[in-house]
Every structure is written in structure tokens, then in C-alpha cells.
Amino acid sequence: MKVSKTFLALASIPALAGIFFGAYVLRWISVVFLSVVTIFYLFGQELRISYTLPQREERIQRKSEFERSLNMIRKARKGAVSRSLIEDGIIEIYMTLSENPAEVYQRLHREPNRALLELRKGGDFLDNLERALEIVEEDINEGGGSQP
């Protein structure tokens, strides 16, 4: 077995300290030195604690309001649920324009205005939606009235 020069240098330090300082001081220096070596070994070499690196957040690309509305219109061609959601969107527009949204909501469900009647007509849904939105636009330009 070959002895390295570093080991001999480290081993000679306590021997030389024992000659110069005496046995009692050498014991305390050895205790401190061995404590430091033990701490280094335990926390530096032995444990090898693997800590998790912060994960990069997975960014979810959400659809814009326009894409969601477009998707709902596509689904409304065939489904009644999407049509009712679009009707609720139109009612919400009128509620926003009104000073008393709760009253407008109840009234439009009881007695639909021209825009809702146009939307509920049979035939091509997209044409009906276009005409209903034109009626809504006219009502907005006239000052927010919800009745014909």
C-alpha cells in the first residue's frame, strides 16, 4: 500500500504540535480537528442529500375569449345547451346596459325581446345569430332599450 504525501503532511501536523505544545493541548486540538473532519465527512460526503430543483411551471395556454366564443358558436349549430349559453350572453349584454339587472333578467326570460326571438327562430343558426346581434347593436346605439 502506497502512502500519499498529503496523508504524511496531515499526520505530521499533530505529531509536531504534540512536541511543541504538550500532550494536554494536543488532545484538545485533536478533538477539535477530528470534530471538524467528522462534520465534513458526515455532511459533505456521507449524507449526499439530494434536494429537488424547483420545477419549471408548466404553462397552460388558455384560449382567448374570442376562441371560446367561436367554439361555443360552432357547438351551438347542433346543441341546445350552447344555444342557451349564447342566449344568456345576449341577456347579459342587456343586463349590463340596464340600471336594474335582476328585473331585466326576469323580464327577458318571461317575455323575450326581438333579438332573442330572432335567435330562437328555426333555420340556419348562424344567420339567426347574425340578425340577433344586429338587433342588439341597434339597441345599444339607441340607448340600451331592451324592448322593441
N, C-alpha and C. Protein backbone atom coordinates (compact mmCIF):
# COMPACT_ATOMS: atom_id res chain seq x y z
N MET A 1 0.83 -1.17 0.00
CA MET A 1 0.00 0.00 0.00
C MET A 1 0.88 1.24 0.00
N LYS A 2 0.58 2.13 -0.90
CA LYS A 2 1.37 3.33 -1.07
C LYS A 2 0.78 4.46 -0.22
N VAL A 3 1.61 5.16 0.51
CA VAL A 3 1.18 6.26 1.36
C VAL A 3 1.39 7.56 0.60
N SER A 4 0.33 8.37 0.56
CA SER A 4 0.44 9.62 -0.21
C SER A 4 1.15 10.69 0.61
N LYS A 5 1.65 11.69 -0.09
CA LYS A 5 2.36 12.78 0.56
C LYS A 5 1.41 13.65 1.38
N THR A 6 0.18 13.76 0.92
CA THR A 6 -0.81 14.56 1.65
C THR A 6 -1.12 13.93 3.00
N PHE A 7 -1.24 12.61 3.02
CA PHE A 7 -1.52 11.91 4.28
C PHE A 7 -0.36 12.11 5.27
N LEU A 8 0.87 12.02 4.78
CA LEU A 8 2.03 12.22 5.65
C LEU A 8 2.09 13.64 6.19
N ALA A 9 1.73 14.61 5.35
CA ALA A 9 1.74 16.00 5.81
C ALA A 9 0.68 16.22 6.87
N LEU A 10 -0.50 15.66 6.67
CA LEU A 10 -1.57 15.82 7.66
C LEU A 10 -1.26 15.07 8.95
N ALA A 11 -0.63 13.93 8.85
CA ALA A 11 -0.29 13.15 10.05
C ALA A 11 0.85 13.80 10.82
N SER A 12 1.72 14.51 10.14
CA SER A 12 2.85 15.13 10.84
C SER A 12 2.43 16.38 11.62
N ILE A 13 1.31 16.99 11.27
CA ILE A 13 0.86 18.19 11.98
C ILE A 13 0.57 17.89 13.44
N PRO A 14 -0.24 16.86 13.78
CA PRO A 14 -0.46 16.58 15.21
C PRO A 14 0.82 16.13 15.94
N ALA A 15 1.69 15.43 15.23
CA ALA A 15 2.92 14.97 15.88
C ALA A 15 3.80 16.17 16.24
N LEU A 16 3.95 17.11 15.33
CA LEU A 16 4.75 18.31 15.61
C LEU A 16 4.08 19.17 16.67
N ALA A 17 2.74 19.26 16.64
CA ALA A 17 2.02 20.04 17.65
C ALA A 17 2.21 19.41 19.02
N GLY A 18 2.24 18.09 19.10
CA GLY A 18 2.45 17.40 20.38
C GLY A 18 3.82 17.69 20.95
N ILE A 19 4.80 17.82 20.10
CA ILE A 19 6.16 18.10 20.56
C ILE A 19 6.24 19.53 21.10
N PHE A 20 5.64 20.48 20.39
CA PHE A 20 5.77 21.88 20.79
C PHE A 20 4.80 22.30 21.89
N PHE A 21 3.55 21.82 21.86
CA PHE A 21 2.53 22.32 22.80
C PHE A 21 2.35 21.45 24.03
N GLY A 22 2.65 20.22 23.98
CA GLY A 22 2.43 19.33 25.11
C GLY A 22 1.23 18.44 24.85
N ALA A 23 1.06 17.43 25.69
CA ALA A 23 0.05 16.40 25.47
C ALA A 23 -1.38 16.91 25.69
N TYR A 24 -1.59 17.78 26.73
CA TYR A 24 -2.95 18.22 27.04
C TYR A 24 -3.52 19.09 25.92
N VAL A 25 -2.75 20.03 25.45
CA VAL A 25 -3.21 20.91 24.37
C VAL A 25 -3.41 20.10 23.10
N LEU A 26 -2.54 19.12 22.89
CA LEU A 26 -2.66 18.28 21.70
C LEU A 26 -3.97 17.52 21.70
N ARG A 27 -4.41 17.07 22.87
CA ARG A 27 -5.69 16.36 22.93
C ARG A 27 -6.84 17.27 22.50
N TRP A 28 -6.85 18.48 22.99
CA TRP A 28 -7.95 19.39 22.64
C TRP A 28 -7.89 19.80 21.17
N ILE A 29 -6.73 20.03 20.67
CA ILE A 29 -6.60 20.35 19.24
C ILE A 29 -7.04 19.16 18.40
N SER A 30 -6.67 17.96 18.83
CA SER A 30 -7.08 16.75 18.10
C SER A 30 -8.59 16.58 18.13
N VAL A 31 -9.20 16.88 19.28
CA VAL A 31 -10.66 16.77 19.39
C VAL A 31 -11.34 17.75 18.43
N VAL A 32 -10.88 18.98 18.41
CA VAL A 32 -11.47 19.98 17.51
C VAL A 32 -11.24 19.58 16.06
N PHE A 33 -10.01 19.16 15.75
CA PHE A 33 -9.69 18.78 14.38
C PHE A 33 -10.51 17.57 13.93
N LEU A 34 -10.61 16.56 14.78
CA LEU A 34 -11.39 15.38 14.41
C LEU A 34 -12.88 15.70 14.34
N SER A 35 -13.34 16.63 15.16
CA SER A 35 -14.75 17.05 15.07
C SER A 35 -15.03 17.72 13.72
N VAL A 36 -14.13 18.57 13.30
CA VAL A 36 -14.30 19.24 12.00
C VAL A 36 -14.25 18.22 10.88
N VAL A 37 -13.32 17.28 10.95
CA VAL A 37 -13.23 16.24 9.92
C VAL A 37 -14.49 15.39 9.91
N THR A 38 -14.98 15.03 11.10
CA THR A 38 -16.20 14.22 11.19
C THR A 38 -17.40 14.96 10.63
N ILE A 39 -17.54 16.23 10.98
CA ILE A 39 -18.66 17.03 10.45
C ILE A 39 -18.57 17.13 8.93
N PHE A 40 -17.35 17.38 8.43
CA PHE A 40 -17.18 17.46 6.98
C PHE A 40 -17.55 16.13 6.33
N TYR A 41 -17.11 15.04 6.94
CA TYR A 41 -17.41 13.73 6.36
C TYR A 41 -18.90 13.44 6.38
N LEU A 42 -19.55 13.70 7.52
CA LEU A 42 -20.98 13.39 7.64
C LEU A 42 -21.83 14.24 6.70
N PHE A 43 -21.59 15.55 6.74
CA PHE A 43 -22.46 16.43 5.96
C PHE A 43 -22.00 16.61 4.52
N GLY A 44 -20.74 16.38 4.26
CA GLY A 44 -20.25 16.58 2.90
C GLY A 44 -20.20 15.32 2.06
N GLN A 45 -19.86 14.23 2.67
CA GLN A 45 -19.65 13.01 1.90
C GLN A 45 -20.73 11.96 2.15
N GLU A 46 -21.00 11.70 3.40
CA GLU A 46 -21.85 10.56 3.74
C GLU A 46 -23.31 10.78 3.36
N LEU A 47 -23.87 11.94 3.71
CA LEU A 47 -25.30 12.14 3.51
C LEU A 47 -25.68 12.26 2.04
N ARG A 48 -24.94 13.06 1.34
CA ARG A 48 -25.24 13.31 -0.08
C ARG A 48 -26.75 13.52 -0.28
N ILE A 49 -27.24 14.49 0.42
CA ILE A 49 -28.67 14.79 0.36
C ILE A 49 -28.99 15.33 -1.03
N SER A 50 -29.93 14.69 -1.64
CA SER A 50 -30.34 15.19 -2.95
C SER A 50 -31.57 16.06 -2.74
N TYR A 51 -31.42 17.31 -3.04
CA TYR A 51 -32.55 18.21 -2.92
C TYR A 51 -33.14 18.43 -4.30
N THR A 52 -34.42 18.62 -4.32
CA THR A 52 -35.10 18.76 -5.61
C THR A 52 -34.93 20.17 -6.12
N LEU A 53 -34.64 20.25 -7.36
CA LEU A 53 -34.56 21.56 -8.00
C LEU A 53 -35.97 22.07 -8.26
N PRO A 54 -36.16 23.36 -8.18
CA PRO A 54 -37.51 23.87 -8.44
C PRO A 54 -37.95 23.51 -9.86
N GLN A 55 -39.13 22.94 -9.93
CA GLN A 55 -39.67 22.51 -11.22
C GLN A 55 -40.12 23.73 -12.01
N ARG A 56 -39.90 23.67 -13.27
CA ARG A 56 -40.43 24.73 -14.11
C ARG A 56 -41.93 24.56 -14.20
N GLU A 57 -42.61 25.66 -14.05
CA GLU A 57 -44.06 25.58 -14.10
C GLU A 57 -44.51 25.26 -15.52
N GLU A 58 -45.44 24.36 -15.58
CA GLU A 58 -45.99 24.01 -16.87
C GLU A 58 -46.99 25.09 -17.25
N ARG A 59 -46.71 25.78 -18.30
CA ARG A 59 -47.59 26.86 -18.71
C ARG A 59 -48.71 26.31 -19.57
N ILE A 60 -49.89 26.60 -19.13
CA ILE A 60 -51.06 26.14 -19.85
C ILE A 60 -51.53 27.29 -20.72
N GLN A 61 -51.61 27.02 -21.98
CA GLN A 61 -52.10 28.06 -22.86
C GLN A 61 -53.62 28.00 -22.86
N ARG A 62 -54.18 29.05 -22.34
CA ARG A 62 -55.63 29.12 -22.28
C ARG A 62 -56.14 29.80 -23.53
N LYS A 63 -57.35 29.43 -23.88
CA LYS A 63 -57.95 30.03 -25.06
C LYS A 63 -58.39 31.45 -24.73
N SER A 64 -58.32 32.29 -25.72
CA SER A 64 -58.78 33.66 -25.53
C SER A 64 -60.30 33.68 -25.51
N GLU A 65 -60.85 34.80 -25.12
CA GLU A 65 -62.30 34.95 -25.07
C GLU A 65 -62.90 34.75 -26.46
N PHE A 66 -62.20 35.25 -27.46
CA PHE A 66 -62.69 35.11 -28.84
C PHE A 66 -62.73 33.63 -29.25
N GLU A 67 -61.67 32.89 -28.94
CA GLU A 67 -61.64 31.47 -29.31
C GLU A 67 -62.72 30.68 -28.58
N ARG A 68 -62.95 31.01 -27.31
CA ARG A 68 -64.01 30.32 -26.56
C ARG A 68 -65.38 30.63 -27.15
N SER A 69 -65.61 31.89 -27.50
CA SER A 69 -66.90 32.26 -28.10
C SER A 69 -67.08 31.57 -29.44
N LEU A 70 -66.02 31.54 -30.22
CA LEU A 70 -66.08 30.89 -31.53
C LEU A 70 -66.38 29.40 -31.38
N ASN A 71 -65.77 28.76 -30.42
CA ASN A 71 -66.02 27.34 -30.16
C ASN A 71 -67.46 27.12 -29.72
N MET A 72 -67.98 28.02 -28.89
CA MET A 72 -69.37 27.89 -28.44
C MET A 72 -70.34 28.05 -29.61
N ILE A 73 -70.04 28.97 -30.51
CA ILE A 73 -70.91 29.17 -31.68
C ILE A 73 -70.89 27.93 -32.57
N ARG A 74 -69.72 27.34 -32.73
CA ARG A 74 -69.64 26.10 -33.53
C ARG A 74 -70.49 24.99 -32.91
N LYS A 75 -70.43 24.89 -31.58
CA LYS A 75 -71.21 23.85 -30.91
C LYS A 75 -72.70 24.18 -30.93
N ALA A 76 -73.04 25.47 -31.00
CA ALA A 76 -74.45 25.88 -30.95
C ALA A 76 -75.19 25.51 -32.23
N ARG A 77 -74.47 25.22 -33.30
CA ARG A 77 -75.15 24.80 -34.53
C ARG A 77 -75.96 23.53 -34.30
N LYS A 78 -75.45 22.67 -33.41
CA LYS A 78 -76.12 21.38 -33.20
C LYS A 78 -76.72 21.23 -31.81
N GLY A 79 -76.14 21.88 -30.82
CA GLY A 79 -76.55 21.61 -29.44
C GLY A 79 -77.40 22.70 -28.83
N ALA A 80 -78.38 22.28 -28.06
CA ALA A 80 -79.28 23.22 -27.40
C ALA A 80 -78.62 23.91 -26.21
N VAL A 81 -77.68 23.24 -25.57
CA VAL A 81 -77.02 23.84 -24.40
C VAL A 81 -76.20 25.05 -24.82
N SER A 82 -75.45 24.93 -25.90
CA SER A 82 -74.66 26.06 -26.38
C SER A 82 -75.56 27.20 -26.84
N ARG A 83 -76.69 26.86 -27.43
CA ARG A 83 -77.63 27.92 -27.84
C ARG A 83 -78.15 28.67 -26.62
N SER A 84 -78.46 27.94 -25.57
CA SER A 84 -78.96 28.62 -24.37
C SER A 84 -77.85 29.47 -23.73
N LEU A 85 -76.60 29.04 -23.84
CA LEU A 85 -75.50 29.85 -23.32
C LEU A 85 -75.34 31.14 -24.12
N ILE A 86 -75.54 31.05 -25.43
CA ILE A 86 -75.48 32.25 -26.26
C ILE A 86 -76.64 33.18 -25.93
N GLU A 87 -77.82 32.61 -25.71
CA GLU A 87 -78.96 33.43 -25.29
C GLU A 87 -78.66 34.13 -23.97
N ASP A 88 -78.06 33.40 -23.04
CA ASP A 88 -77.69 34.02 -21.76
C ASP A 88 -76.66 35.12 -21.96
N GLY A 89 -75.77 34.95 -22.93
CA GLY A 89 -74.80 36.00 -23.24
C GLY A 89 -75.48 37.27 -23.74
N ILE A 90 -76.50 37.10 -24.57
CA ILE A 90 -77.25 38.26 -25.07
C ILE A 90 -78.02 38.91 -23.92
N ILE A 91 -78.63 38.09 -23.08
CA ILE A 91 -79.34 38.64 -21.91
C ILE A 91 -78.36 39.38 -21.01
N GLU A 92 -77.16 38.87 -20.88
CA GLU A 92 -76.15 39.53 -20.06
C GLU A 92 -75.78 40.90 -20.62
N ILE A 93 -75.76 41.01 -21.94
CA ILE A 93 -75.49 42.32 -22.56
C ILE A 93 -76.56 43.32 -22.14
N TYR A 94 -77.82 42.89 -22.22
CA TYR A 94 -78.90 43.79 -21.83
C TYR A 94 -78.87 44.09 -20.33
N MET A 95 -78.47 43.12 -19.53
CA MET A 95 -78.37 43.35 -18.09
C MET A 95 -77.29 44.39 -17.79
N THR A 96 -76.19 44.34 -18.53
CA THR A 96 -75.11 45.31 -18.34
C THR A 96 -75.57 46.72 -18.68
N LEU A 97 -76.42 46.84 -19.70
CA LEU A 97 -76.91 48.16 -20.11
C LEU A 97 -77.95 48.72 -19.16
N SER A 98 -78.58 47.87 -18.38
CA SER A 98 -79.70 48.29 -17.54
C SER A 98 -79.22 48.77 -16.17
N GLU A 99 -80.07 49.58 -15.53
CA GLU A 99 -79.80 50.01 -14.17
C GLU A 99 -80.25 48.97 -13.16
N ASN A 100 -81.21 48.13 -13.55
CA ASN A 100 -81.73 47.08 -12.67
C ASN A 100 -81.57 45.73 -13.37
N PRO A 101 -80.39 45.10 -13.25
CA PRO A 101 -80.12 43.86 -13.99
C PRO A 101 -81.05 42.71 -13.64
N ALA A 102 -81.44 42.58 -12.38
CA ALA A 102 -82.29 41.46 -11.98
C ALA A 102 -83.65 41.53 -12.65
N GLU A 103 -84.20 42.73 -12.74
CA GLU A 103 -85.50 42.90 -13.38
C GLU A 103 -85.41 42.58 -14.87
N VAL A 104 -84.35 43.04 -15.53
CA VAL A 104 -84.18 42.78 -16.97
C VAL A 104 -84.02 41.28 -17.21
N TYR A 105 -83.29 40.62 -16.35
CA TYR A 105 -83.09 39.17 -16.49
C TYR A 105 -84.42 38.43 -16.43
N GLN A 106 -85.21 38.75 -15.42
CA GLN A 106 -86.51 38.08 -15.27
C GLN A 106 -87.44 38.42 -16.43
N ARG A 107 -87.46 39.68 -16.82
CA ARG A 107 -88.37 40.10 -17.89
C ARG A 107 -88.00 39.44 -19.22
N LEU A 108 -86.71 39.36 -19.53
CA LEU A 108 -86.30 38.76 -20.80
C LEU A 108 -86.53 37.25 -20.82
N HIS A 109 -86.53 36.63 -19.69
CA HIS A 109 -86.86 35.20 -19.66
C HIS A 109 -88.37 34.98 -19.81
N ARG A 110 -89.17 35.89 -19.24
CA ARG A 110 -90.63 35.78 -19.39
C ARG A 110 -91.07 36.21 -20.79
N GLU A 111 -90.61 37.38 -21.21
CA GLU A 111 -91.02 37.96 -22.50
C GLU A 111 -89.76 38.28 -23.30
N PRO A 112 -89.31 37.37 -24.14
CA PRO A 112 -88.08 37.62 -24.91
C PRO A 112 -88.26 38.82 -25.85
N ASN A 113 -87.20 39.59 -26.03
CA ASN A 113 -87.25 40.73 -26.94
C ASN A 113 -86.97 40.27 -28.37
N ARG A 114 -86.85 41.23 -29.27
CA ARG A 114 -86.68 40.90 -30.70
C ARG A 114 -85.42 40.08 -30.95
N ALA A 115 -84.32 40.43 -30.28
CA ALA A 115 -83.05 39.72 -30.51
C ALA A 115 -83.17 38.25 -30.10
N LEU A 116 -83.78 37.99 -28.97
CA LEU A 116 -83.92 36.60 -28.52
C LEU A 116 -84.91 35.83 -29.39
N LEU A 117 -85.98 36.51 -29.82
CA LEU A 117 -86.93 35.84 -30.72
C LEU A 117 -86.27 35.50 -32.05
N GLU A 118 -85.45 36.41 -32.54
CA GLU A 118 -84.74 36.17 -33.80
C GLU A 118 -83.77 35.00 -33.65
N LEU A 119 -83.12 34.93 -32.51
CA LEU A 119 -82.16 33.85 -32.27
C LEU A 119 -82.86 32.50 -32.16
N ARG A 120 -84.06 32.48 -31.62
CA ARG A 120 -84.79 31.22 -31.41
C ARG A 120 -85.52 30.73 -32.65
N LYS A 121 -85.55 31.52 -33.70
CA LYS A 121 -86.23 31.08 -34.93
C LYS A 121 -85.56 29.83 -35.48
N GLY A 122 -86.33 29.06 -36.20
CA GLY A 122 -85.78 27.88 -36.85
C GLY A 122 -84.96 28.30 -38.07
N GLY A 123 -84.27 27.36 -38.64
CA GLY A 123 -83.47 27.64 -39.83
C GLY A 123 -81.99 27.66 -39.48
N ASP A 124 -81.24 28.40 -40.29
CA ASP A 124 -79.79 28.46 -40.11
C ASP A 124 -79.46 29.27 -38.85
N PHE A 125 -78.78 28.64 -37.92
CA PHE A 125 -78.50 29.28 -36.64
C PHE A 125 -77.56 30.47 -36.80
N LEU A 126 -76.57 30.36 -37.69
CA LEU A 126 -75.61 31.45 -37.83
C LEU A 126 -76.27 32.70 -38.39
N ASP A 127 -77.20 32.54 -39.34
CA ASP A 127 -77.93 33.70 -39.86
C ASP A 127 -78.79 34.32 -38.77
N ASN A 128 -79.45 33.47 -37.99
CA ASN A 128 -80.28 33.97 -36.89
C ASN A 128 -79.42 34.72 -35.86
N LEU A 129 -78.25 34.18 -35.57
CA LEU A 129 -77.35 34.82 -34.61
C LEU A 129 -76.88 36.17 -35.14
N GLU A 130 -76.56 36.21 -36.42
CA GLU A 130 -76.11 37.47 -37.01
C GLU A 130 -77.20 38.54 -36.93
N ARG A 131 -78.43 38.18 -37.26
CA ARG A 131 -79.53 39.14 -37.18
C ARG A 131 -79.79 39.55 -35.73
N ALA A 132 -79.70 38.60 -34.80
CA ALA A 132 -79.91 38.92 -33.39
C ALA A 132 -78.84 39.89 -32.89
N LEU A 133 -77.61 39.69 -33.31
CA LEU A 133 -76.54 40.59 -32.88
C LEU A 133 -76.68 41.97 -33.50
N GLU A 134 -77.22 42.04 -34.71
CA GLU A 134 -77.51 43.35 -35.32
C GLU A 134 -78.58 44.08 -34.52
N ILE A 135 -79.59 43.34 -34.06
CA ILE A 135 -80.64 43.95 -33.24
C ILE A 135 -80.05 44.45 -31.92
N VAL A 136 -79.17 43.65 -31.32
CA VAL A 136 -78.52 44.06 -30.08
C VAL A 136 -77.70 45.33 -30.32
N GLU A 137 -77.00 45.39 -31.44
CA GLU A 137 -76.21 46.57 -31.76
C GLU A 137 -77.09 47.80 -31.93
N GLU A 138 -78.24 47.63 -32.59
CA GLU A 138 -79.18 48.75 -32.73
C GLU A 138 -79.66 49.21 -31.36
N ASP A 139 -79.99 48.26 -30.49
CA ASP A 139 -80.46 48.62 -29.15
C ASP A 139 -79.38 49.35 -28.36
N ILE A 140 -78.15 48.94 -28.52
CA ILE A 140 -77.06 49.62 -27.83
C ILE A 140 -76.92 51.05 -28.34
N ASN A 141 -76.99 51.21 -29.66
CA ASN A 141 -76.86 52.54 -30.25
C ASN A 141 -78.03 53.45 -29.89
N GLU A 142 -79.22 52.87 -29.67
CA GLU A 142 -80.39 53.67 -29.31
C GLU A 142 -80.39 54.07 -27.85
N GLY A 143 -79.55 53.49 -27.05
CA GLY A 143 -79.50 53.89 -25.65
C GLY A 143 -79.78 52.77 -24.68
N GLY A 144 -79.75 51.55 -25.13
CA GLY A 144 -79.84 50.43 -24.20
C GLY A 144 -81.23 49.91 -23.95
N GLY A 145 -82.21 50.27 -24.75
CA GLY A 145 -83.55 49.72 -24.55
C GLY A 145 -83.58 48.25 -24.84
N SER A 146 -84.34 47.49 -24.06
CA SER A 146 -84.37 46.05 -24.26
C SER A 146 -85.68 45.58 -24.85
N GLN A 147 -86.63 46.46 -25.04
CA GLN A 147 -87.91 46.07 -25.64
C GLN A 147 -88.02 46.71 -27.02
N PRO A 148 -88.78 46.07 -27.97
CA PRO A 148 -88.92 46.63 -29.32
C PRO A 148 -89.62 47.95 -29.32
